[in-house]
Full PDB file with SEQRES, HELIX, SHEET, SSBOND, CRYST1, ORIGX, SCALE, CONECT and MASTER records, all heavy atoms in Angstrom:
SEQRES   1 A   30  LEU TRP GLU LEU GLU ARG SER ILE ALA ARG GLU LEU LEU          
SEQRES   2 A   30  THR ASP ASP GLU PRO ALA ILE VAL THR PRO ALA ALA SER          
SEQRES   3 A   30  ILE LEU ASP ASP                                              
HELIX    1 AA1 TRP A    2  THR A   14  1                                  13    
HELIX    2 AA2 ALA A   25  ASP A   29  5                                   5    
CRYST1    1.000    1.000    1.000  90.00  90.00  90.00 P 1           1          
ORIGX1      1.000000  0.000000  0.000000        0.00000                         
ORIGX2      0.000000  1.000000  0.000000        0.00000                         
ORIGX3      0.000000  0.000000  1.000000        0.00000                         
SCALE1      1.000000  0.000000  0.000000        0.00000                         
SCALE2      0.000000  1.000000  0.000000        0.00000                         
SCALE3      0.000000  0.000000  1.000000        0.00000                         
ATOM      1  N   LEU A   1      12.118  -3.813  -4.656  1.00  0.00           N  
ATOM      2  CA  LEU A   1      11.555  -3.228  -3.434  1.00  0.00           C  
ATOM      3  C   LEU A   1      10.281  -2.467  -3.759  1.00  0.00           C  
ATOM      4  O   LEU A   1       9.254  -2.643  -3.102  1.00  0.00           O  
ATOM      5  CB  LEU A   1      12.566  -2.292  -2.760  1.00  0.00           C  
ATOM      6  CG  LEU A   1      11.998  -1.467  -1.600  1.00  0.00           C  
ATOM      7  CD1 LEU A   1      11.646  -2.363  -0.417  1.00  0.00           C  
ATOM      8  CD2 LEU A   1      12.967  -0.374  -1.199  1.00  0.00           C  
ATOM      9  N   TRP A   2      10.326  -1.621  -4.768  1.00  0.00           N  
ATOM     10  CA  TRP A   2       9.158  -0.812  -5.103  1.00  0.00           C  
ATOM     11  C   TRP A   2       7.975  -1.673  -5.530  1.00  0.00           C  
ATOM     12  O   TRP A   2       6.836  -1.378  -5.178  1.00  0.00           O  
ATOM     13  CB  TRP A   2       9.509   0.211  -6.168  1.00  0.00           C  
ATOM     14  CG  TRP A   2      10.397   1.304  -5.668  1.00  0.00           C  
ATOM     15  CD1 TRP A   2      10.670   1.638  -4.367  1.00  0.00           C  
ATOM     16  CD2 TRP A   2      11.143   2.209  -6.467  1.00  0.00           C  
ATOM     17  NE1 TRP A   2      11.537   2.692  -4.306  1.00  0.00           N  
ATOM     18  CE2 TRP A   2      11.854   3.077  -5.584  1.00  0.00           C  
ATOM     19  CE3 TRP A   2      11.305   2.394  -7.829  1.00  0.00           C  
ATOM     20  CZ2 TRP A   2      12.685   4.090  -6.028  1.00  0.00           C  
ATOM     21  CZ3 TRP A   2      12.134   3.408  -8.276  1.00  0.00           C  
ATOM     22  CH2 TRP A   2      12.813   4.253  -7.380  1.00  0.00           C  
ATOM     23  N   GLU A   3       8.218  -2.728  -6.271  1.00  0.00           N  
ATOM     24  CA  GLU A   3       7.122  -3.623  -6.661  1.00  0.00           C  
ATOM     25  C   GLU A   3       6.520  -4.289  -5.429  1.00  0.00           C  
ATOM     26  O   GLU A   3       5.302  -4.400  -5.303  1.00  0.00           O  
ATOM     27  CB  GLU A   3       7.599  -4.672  -7.663  1.00  0.00           C  
ATOM     28  CG  GLU A   3       6.466  -5.551  -8.175  1.00  0.00           C  
ATOM     29  CD  GLU A   3       5.278  -4.778  -8.737  1.00  0.00           C  
ATOM     30  OE1 GLU A   3       5.466  -3.786  -9.466  1.00  0.00           O  
ATOM     31  OE2 GLU A   3       4.121  -5.174  -8.431  1.00  0.00           O  
ATOM     32  N   LEU A   4       7.366  -4.712  -4.514  1.00  0.00           N  
ATOM     33  CA  LEU A   4       6.896  -5.313  -3.269  1.00  0.00           C  
ATOM     34  C   LEU A   4       6.092  -4.290  -2.460  1.00  0.00           C  
ATOM     35  O   LEU A   4       5.013  -4.608  -1.934  1.00  0.00           O  
ATOM     36  CB  LEU A   4       8.082  -5.825  -2.457  1.00  0.00           C  
ATOM     37  CG  LEU A   4       7.790  -6.476  -1.111  1.00  0.00           C  
ATOM     38  CD1 LEU A   4       6.877  -7.678  -1.252  1.00  0.00           C  
ATOM     39  CD2 LEU A   4       9.105  -6.867  -0.439  1.00  0.00           C  
ATOM     40  N   GLU A   5       6.577  -3.069  -2.359  1.00  0.00           N  
ATOM     41  CA  GLU A   5       5.853  -2.022  -1.620  1.00  0.00           C  
ATOM     42  C   GLU A   5       4.488  -1.745  -2.237  1.00  0.00           C  
ATOM     43  O   GLU A   5       3.507  -1.536  -1.512  1.00  0.00           O  
ATOM     44  CB  GLU A   5       6.693  -0.745  -1.563  1.00  0.00           C  
ATOM     45  CG  GLU A   5       7.899  -0.857  -0.656  1.00  0.00           C  
ATOM     46  CD  GLU A   5       8.824   0.336  -0.701  1.00  0.00           C  
ATOM     47  OE1 GLU A   5       8.834   1.083  -1.719  1.00  0.00           O  
ATOM     48  OE2 GLU A   5       9.558   0.534   0.284  1.00  0.00           O  
ATOM     49  N   ARG A   6       4.406  -1.765  -3.542  1.00  0.00           N  
ATOM     50  CA  ARG A   6       3.115  -1.529  -4.207  1.00  0.00           C  
ATOM     51  C   ARG A   6       2.150  -2.683  -3.967  1.00  0.00           C  
ATOM     52  O   ARG A   6       0.949  -2.465  -3.746  1.00  0.00           O  
ATOM     53  CB  ARG A   6       3.337  -1.287  -5.697  1.00  0.00           C  
ATOM     54  CG  ARG A   6       4.020   0.028  -5.949  1.00  0.00           C  
ATOM     55  CD  ARG A   6       4.434   0.199  -7.381  1.00  0.00           C  
ATOM     56  NE  ARG A   6       5.189   1.443  -7.498  1.00  0.00           N  
ATOM     57  CZ  ARG A   6       6.126   1.664  -8.396  1.00  0.00           C  
ATOM     58  NH1 ARG A   6       6.431   0.742  -9.284  1.00  0.00           N  
ATOM     59  NH2 ARG A   6       6.765   2.813  -8.418  1.00  0.00           N  
ATOM     60  N   SER A   7       2.666  -3.891  -3.985  1.00  0.00           N  
ATOM     61  CA  SER A   7       1.837  -5.059  -3.693  1.00  0.00           C  
ATOM     62  C   SER A   7       1.299  -4.997  -2.266  1.00  0.00           C  
ATOM     63  O   SER A   7       0.110  -5.265  -2.019  1.00  0.00           O  
ATOM     64  CB  SER A   7       2.670  -6.329  -3.899  1.00  0.00           C  
ATOM     65  OG  SER A   7       1.972  -7.464  -3.469  1.00  0.00           O  
ATOM     66  N   ILE A   8       2.151  -4.640  -1.343  1.00  0.00           N  
ATOM     67  CA  ILE A   8       1.736  -4.512   0.059  1.00  0.00           C  
ATOM     68  C   ILE A   8       0.700  -3.411   0.211  1.00  0.00           C  
ATOM     69  O   ILE A   8      -0.299  -3.581   0.910  1.00  0.00           O  
ATOM     70  CB  ILE A   8       2.959  -4.286   0.963  1.00  0.00           C  
ATOM     71  CG1 ILE A   8       3.771  -5.588   1.053  1.00  0.00           C  
ATOM     72  CG2 ILE A   8       2.545  -3.770   2.334  1.00  0.00           C  
ATOM     73  CD1 ILE A   8       5.139  -5.428   1.669  1.00  0.00           C  
ATOM     74  N   ALA A   9       0.897  -2.282  -0.450  1.00  0.00           N  
ATOM     75  CA  ALA A   9      -0.077  -1.184  -0.380  1.00  0.00           C  
ATOM     76  C   ALA A   9      -1.440  -1.652  -0.884  1.00  0.00           C  
ATOM     77  O   ALA A   9      -2.471  -1.319  -0.286  1.00  0.00           O  
ATOM     78  CB  ALA A   9       0.412   0.018  -1.183  1.00  0.00           C  
ATOM     79  N   ARG A  10      -1.455  -2.422  -1.972  1.00  0.00           N  
ATOM     80  CA  ARG A  10      -2.736  -2.950  -2.486  1.00  0.00           C  
ATOM     81  C   ARG A  10      -3.427  -3.805  -1.418  1.00  0.00           C  
ATOM     82  O   ARG A  10      -4.633  -3.688  -1.215  1.00  0.00           O  
ATOM     83  CB  ARG A  10      -2.518  -3.759  -3.766  1.00  0.00           C  
ATOM     84  CG  ARG A  10      -2.303  -2.901  -4.997  1.00  0.00           C  
ATOM     85  CD  ARG A  10      -2.308  -3.724  -6.280  1.00  0.00           C  
ATOM     86  NE  ARG A  10      -1.200  -4.664  -6.377  1.00  0.00           N  
ATOM     87  CZ  ARG A  10       0.031  -4.376  -6.817  1.00  0.00           C  
ATOM     88  NH1 ARG A  10       0.312  -3.141  -7.196  1.00  0.00           N  
ATOM     89  NH2 ARG A  10       0.960  -5.296  -6.879  1.00  0.00           N  
ATOM     90  N   GLU A  11      -2.673  -4.644  -0.739  1.00  0.00           N  
ATOM     91  CA  GLU A  11      -3.248  -5.480   0.312  1.00  0.00           C  
ATOM     92  C   GLU A  11      -3.797  -4.638   1.461  1.00  0.00           C  
ATOM     93  O   GLU A  11      -4.901  -4.880   1.949  1.00  0.00           O  
ATOM     94  CB  GLU A  11      -2.203  -6.450   0.848  1.00  0.00           C  
ATOM     95  CG  GLU A  11      -1.835  -7.552  -0.110  1.00  0.00           C  
ATOM     96  CD  GLU A  11      -0.704  -8.426   0.410  1.00  0.00           C  
ATOM     97  OE1 GLU A  11      -0.422  -8.397   1.619  1.00  0.00           O  
ATOM     98  OE2 GLU A  11      -0.109  -9.139  -0.411  1.00  0.00           O  
ATOM     99  N   LEU A  12      -3.009  -3.673   1.906  1.00  0.00           N  
ATOM    100  CA  LEU A  12      -3.434  -2.837   3.029  1.00  0.00           C  
ATOM    101  C   LEU A  12      -4.691  -2.055   2.688  1.00  0.00           C  
ATOM    102  O   LEU A  12      -5.610  -1.941   3.507  1.00  0.00           O  
ATOM    103  CB  LEU A  12      -2.320  -1.874   3.438  1.00  0.00           C  
ATOM    104  CG  LEU A  12      -1.002  -2.485   3.920  1.00  0.00           C  
ATOM    105  CD1 LEU A  12       0.012  -1.379   4.210  1.00  0.00           C  
ATOM    106  CD2 LEU A  12      -1.209  -3.364   5.136  1.00  0.00           C  
ATOM    107  N   LEU A  13      -4.739  -1.498   1.488  1.00  0.00           N  
ATOM    108  CA  LEU A  13      -5.855  -0.639   1.093  1.00  0.00           C  
ATOM    109  C   LEU A  13      -7.109  -1.409   0.726  1.00  0.00           C  
ATOM    110  O   LEU A  13      -8.212  -0.867   0.830  1.00  0.00           O  
ATOM    111  CB  LEU A  13      -5.434   0.267  -0.059  1.00  0.00           C  
ATOM    112  CG  LEU A  13      -4.450   1.368   0.333  1.00  0.00           C  
ATOM    113  CD1 LEU A  13      -3.753   1.937  -0.896  1.00  0.00           C  
ATOM    114  CD2 LEU A  13      -5.161   2.462   1.117  1.00  0.00           C  
ATOM    115  N   THR A  14      -6.981  -2.666   0.309  1.00  0.00           N  
ATOM    116  CA  THR A  14      -8.173  -3.420  -0.071  1.00  0.00           C  
ATOM    117  C   THR A  14      -8.802  -4.170   1.098  1.00  0.00           C  
ATOM    118  O   THR A  14      -9.896  -4.715   0.957  1.00  0.00           O  
ATOM    119  CB  THR A  14      -7.884  -4.405  -1.230  1.00  0.00           C  
ATOM    120  OG1 THR A  14      -6.821  -5.279  -0.870  1.00  0.00           O  
ATOM    121  CG2 THR A  14      -7.539  -3.644  -2.508  1.00  0.00           C  
ATOM    122  N   ASP A  15      -8.154  -4.161   2.238  1.00  0.00           N  
ATOM    123  CA  ASP A  15      -8.759  -4.730   3.445  1.00  0.00           C  
ATOM    124  C   ASP A  15      -9.956  -3.861   3.815  1.00  0.00           C  
ATOM    125  O   ASP A  15      -9.867  -2.635   3.833  1.00  0.00           O  
ATOM    126  CB  ASP A  15      -7.726  -4.742   4.579  1.00  0.00           C  
ATOM    127  CG  ASP A  15      -8.212  -5.511   5.794  1.00  0.00           C  
ATOM    128  OD1 ASP A  15      -9.394  -5.356   6.186  1.00  0.00           O  
ATOM    129  OD2 ASP A  15      -7.404  -6.253   6.365  1.00  0.00           O  
ATOM    130  N   ASP A  16     -11.087  -4.495   4.101  1.00  0.00           N  
ATOM    131  CA  ASP A  16     -12.310  -3.740   4.385  1.00  0.00           C  
ATOM    132  C   ASP A  16     -12.408  -3.198   5.804  1.00  0.00           C  
ATOM    133  O   ASP A  16     -13.252  -2.345   6.075  1.00  0.00           O  
ATOM    134  CB  ASP A  16     -13.545  -4.597   4.092  1.00  0.00           C  
ATOM    135  CG  ASP A  16     -13.783  -4.746   2.604  1.00  0.00           C  
ATOM    136  OD1 ASP A  16     -13.386  -3.845   1.838  1.00  0.00           O  
ATOM    137  OD2 ASP A  16     -14.367  -5.775   2.199  1.00  0.00           O  
ATOM    138  N   GLU A  17     -11.568  -3.684   6.717  1.00  0.00           N  
ATOM    139  CA  GLU A  17     -11.612  -3.174   8.081  1.00  0.00           C  
ATOM    140  C   GLU A  17     -11.027  -1.762   8.107  1.00  0.00           C  
ATOM    141  O   GLU A  17      -9.898  -1.541   7.674  1.00  0.00           O  
ATOM    142  CB  GLU A  17     -10.810  -4.066   9.028  1.00  0.00           C  
ATOM    143  CG  GLU A  17     -10.854  -3.569  10.459  1.00  0.00           C  
ATOM    144  CD  GLU A  17      -9.953  -4.370  11.391  1.00  0.00           C  
ATOM    145  OE1 GLU A  17      -9.238  -5.267  10.930  1.00  0.00           O  
ATOM    146  OE2 GLU A  17      -9.977  -4.067  12.590  1.00  0.00           O  
ATOM    147  N   PRO A  18     -11.783  -0.770   8.598  1.00  0.00           N  
ATOM    148  CA  PRO A  18     -11.258   0.591   8.656  1.00  0.00           C  
ATOM    149  C   PRO A  18      -9.938   0.645   9.429  1.00  0.00           C  
ATOM    150  O   PRO A  18      -9.779  -0.006  10.463  1.00  0.00           O  
ATOM    151  CB  PRO A  18     -12.353   1.371   9.389  1.00  0.00           C  
ATOM    152  CG  PRO A  18     -13.606   0.592   9.111  1.00  0.00           C  
ATOM    153  CD  PRO A  18     -13.160  -0.847   9.098  1.00  0.00           C  
ATOM    154  N   ALA A  19      -9.002   1.435   8.898  1.00  0.00           N  
ATOM    155  CA  ALA A  19      -7.674   1.527   9.502  1.00  0.00           C  
ATOM    156  C   ALA A  19      -7.001   2.829   9.100  1.00  0.00           C  
ATOM    157  O   ALA A  19      -7.431   3.516   8.170  1.00  0.00           O  
ATOM    158  CB  ALA A  19      -6.814   0.346   9.050  1.00  0.00           C  
ATOM    159  N   ILE A  20      -5.935   3.128   9.828  1.00  0.00           N  
ATOM    160  CA  ILE A  20      -5.019   4.187   9.441  1.00  0.00           C  
ATOM    161  C   ILE A  20      -3.916   3.490   8.642  1.00  0.00           C  
ATOM    162  O   ILE A  20      -3.238   2.598   9.167  1.00  0.00           O  
ATOM    163  CB  ILE A  20      -4.410   4.909  10.668  1.00  0.00           C  
ATOM    164  CG1 ILE A  20      -5.485   5.307  11.684  1.00  0.00           C  
ATOM    165  CG2 ILE A  20      -3.563   6.083  10.212  1.00  0.00           C  
ATOM    166  CD1 ILE A  20      -6.506   6.296  11.207  1.00  0.00           C  
ATOM    167  N   VAL A  21      -3.755   3.847   7.379  1.00  0.00           N  
ATOM    168  CA  VAL A  21      -2.845   3.138   6.475  1.00  0.00           C  
ATOM    169  C   VAL A  21      -1.681   4.053   6.090  1.00  0.00           C  
ATOM    170  O   VAL A  21      -1.894   5.211   5.714  1.00  0.00           O  
ATOM    171  CB  VAL A  21      -3.586   2.661   5.215  1.00  0.00           C  
ATOM    172  CG1 VAL A  21      -2.643   1.969   4.242  1.00  0.00           C  
ATOM    173  CG2 VAL A  21      -4.740   1.734   5.587  1.00  0.00           C  
ATOM    174  N   THR A  22      -0.464   3.505   6.193  1.00  0.00           N  
ATOM    175  CA  THR A  22       0.737   4.247   5.817  1.00  0.00           C  
ATOM    176  C   THR A  22       1.532   3.436   4.792  1.00  0.00           C  
ATOM    177  O   THR A  22       2.423   2.676   5.150  1.00  0.00           O  
ATOM    178  CB  THR A  22       1.612   4.579   7.043  1.00  0.00           C  
ATOM    179  OG1 THR A  22       1.850   3.382   7.797  1.00  0.00           O  
ATOM    180  CG2 THR A  22       0.935   5.605   7.934  1.00  0.00           C  
ATOM    181  N   PRO A  23       1.207   3.598   3.517  1.00  0.00           N  
ATOM    182  CA  PRO A  23       1.950   2.884   2.483  1.00  0.00           C  
ATOM    183  C   PRO A  23       3.303   3.561   2.214  1.00  0.00           C  
ATOM    184  O   PRO A  23       3.526   4.706   2.587  1.00  0.00           O  
ATOM    185  CB  PRO A  23       1.042   2.986   1.256  1.00  0.00           C  
ATOM    186  CG  PRO A  23       0.264   4.244   1.473  1.00  0.00           C  
ATOM    187  CD  PRO A  23       0.106   4.388   2.963  1.00  0.00           C  
ATOM    188  N   ALA A  24       4.172   2.827   1.547  1.00  0.00           N  
ATOM    189  CA  ALA A  24       5.482   3.369   1.173  1.00  0.00           C  
ATOM    190  C   ALA A  24       5.330   4.506   0.165  1.00  0.00           C  
ATOM    191  O   ALA A  24       4.388   4.529  -0.635  1.00  0.00           O  
ATOM    192  CB  ALA A  24       6.343   2.258   0.577  1.00  0.00           C  
ATOM    193  N   ALA A  25       6.277   5.415   0.190  1.00  0.00           N  
ATOM    194  CA  ALA A  25       6.253   6.564  -0.721  1.00  0.00           C  
ATOM    195  C   ALA A  25       6.367   6.153  -2.182  1.00  0.00           C  
ATOM    196  O   ALA A  25       5.925   6.890  -3.071  1.00  0.00           O  
ATOM    197  CB  ALA A  25       7.376   7.536  -0.366  1.00  0.00           C  
ATOM    198  N   SER A  26       6.912   4.992  -2.445  1.00  0.00           N  
ATOM    199  CA  SER A  26       7.088   4.548  -3.836  1.00  0.00           C  
ATOM    200  C   SER A  26       5.757   4.417  -4.571  1.00  0.00           C  
ATOM    201  O   SER A  26       5.730   4.493  -5.801  1.00  0.00           O  
ATOM    202  CB  SER A  26       7.852   3.220  -3.888  1.00  0.00           C  
ATOM    203  OG  SER A  26       7.111   2.196  -3.257  1.00  0.00           O  
ATOM    204  N   ILE A  27       4.657   4.267  -3.852  1.00  0.00           N  
ATOM    205  CA  ILE A  27       3.366   4.152  -4.542  1.00  0.00           C  
ATOM    206  C   ILE A  27       3.001   5.455  -5.253  1.00  0.00           C  
ATOM    207  O   ILE A  27       2.179   5.443  -6.165  1.00  0.00           O  
ATOM    208  CB  ILE A  27       2.218   3.709  -3.607  1.00  0.00           C  
ATOM    209  CG1 ILE A  27       1.816   4.817  -2.644  1.00  0.00           C  
ATOM    210  CG2 ILE A  27       2.556   2.417  -2.901  1.00  0.00           C  
ATOM    211  CD1 ILE A  27       0.431   4.664  -2.087  1.00  0.00           C  
ATOM    212  N   LEU A  28       3.628   6.540  -4.861  1.00  0.00           N  
ATOM    213  CA  LEU A  28       3.341   7.823  -5.503  1.00  0.00           C  
ATOM    214  C   LEU A  28       3.837   7.881  -6.945  1.00  0.00           C  
ATOM    215  O   LEU A  28       3.449   8.769  -7.696  1.00  0.00           O  
ATOM    216  CB  LEU A  28       3.949   8.976  -4.697  1.00  0.00           C  
ATOM    217  CG  LEU A  28       3.323   9.187  -3.321  1.00  0.00           C  
ATOM    218  CD1 LEU A  28       4.175  10.124  -2.477  1.00  0.00           C  
ATOM    219  CD2 LEU A  28       1.900   9.698  -3.455  1.00  0.00           C  
ATOM    220  N   ASP A  29       4.658   6.910  -7.341  1.00  0.00           N  
ATOM    221  CA  ASP A  29       5.141   6.824  -8.716  1.00  0.00           C  
ATOM    222  C   ASP A  29       4.252   5.938  -9.585  1.00  0.00           C  
ATOM    223  O   ASP A  29       4.539   5.752 -10.765  1.00  0.00           O  
ATOM    224  CB  ASP A  29       6.568   6.237  -8.741  1.00  0.00           C  
ATOM    225  CG  ASP A  29       7.580   7.117  -8.050  1.00  0.00           C  
ATOM    226  OD1 ASP A  29       7.416   8.357  -8.066  1.00  0.00           O  
ATOM    227  OD2 ASP A  29       8.541   6.565  -7.483  1.00  0.00           O  
ATOM    228  N   ASP A  30       3.191   5.393  -9.024  1.00  0.00           N  
ATOM    229  CA  ASP A  30       2.371   4.399  -9.710  1.00  0.00           C  
ATOM    230  C   ASP A  30       0.921   4.869  -9.796  1.00  0.00           C  
ATOM    231  O   ASP A  30       0.239   4.969  -8.768  1.00  0.00           O  
ATOM    232  CB  ASP A  30       2.474   3.066  -8.954  1.00  0.00           C  
ATOM    233  CG  ASP A  30       1.669   1.969  -9.602  1.00  0.00           C  
ATOM    234  OD1 ASP A  30       1.967   1.615 -10.762  1.00  0.00           O  
ATOM    235  OD2 ASP A  30       0.724   1.467  -8.943  1.00  0.00           O  
TER     236      ASP A  30                                                      
MASTER        0    0    0    2    0    0    0    6  235    1    0    3          
END                                                                             
């Protein structure tokens, strides 16, 4: 789950369209 959440966070954050992004808390361990 945490690996999947980190992968998703990378996708959300690397999108160039400005947005409000809410990644999973597990990214705080990485």
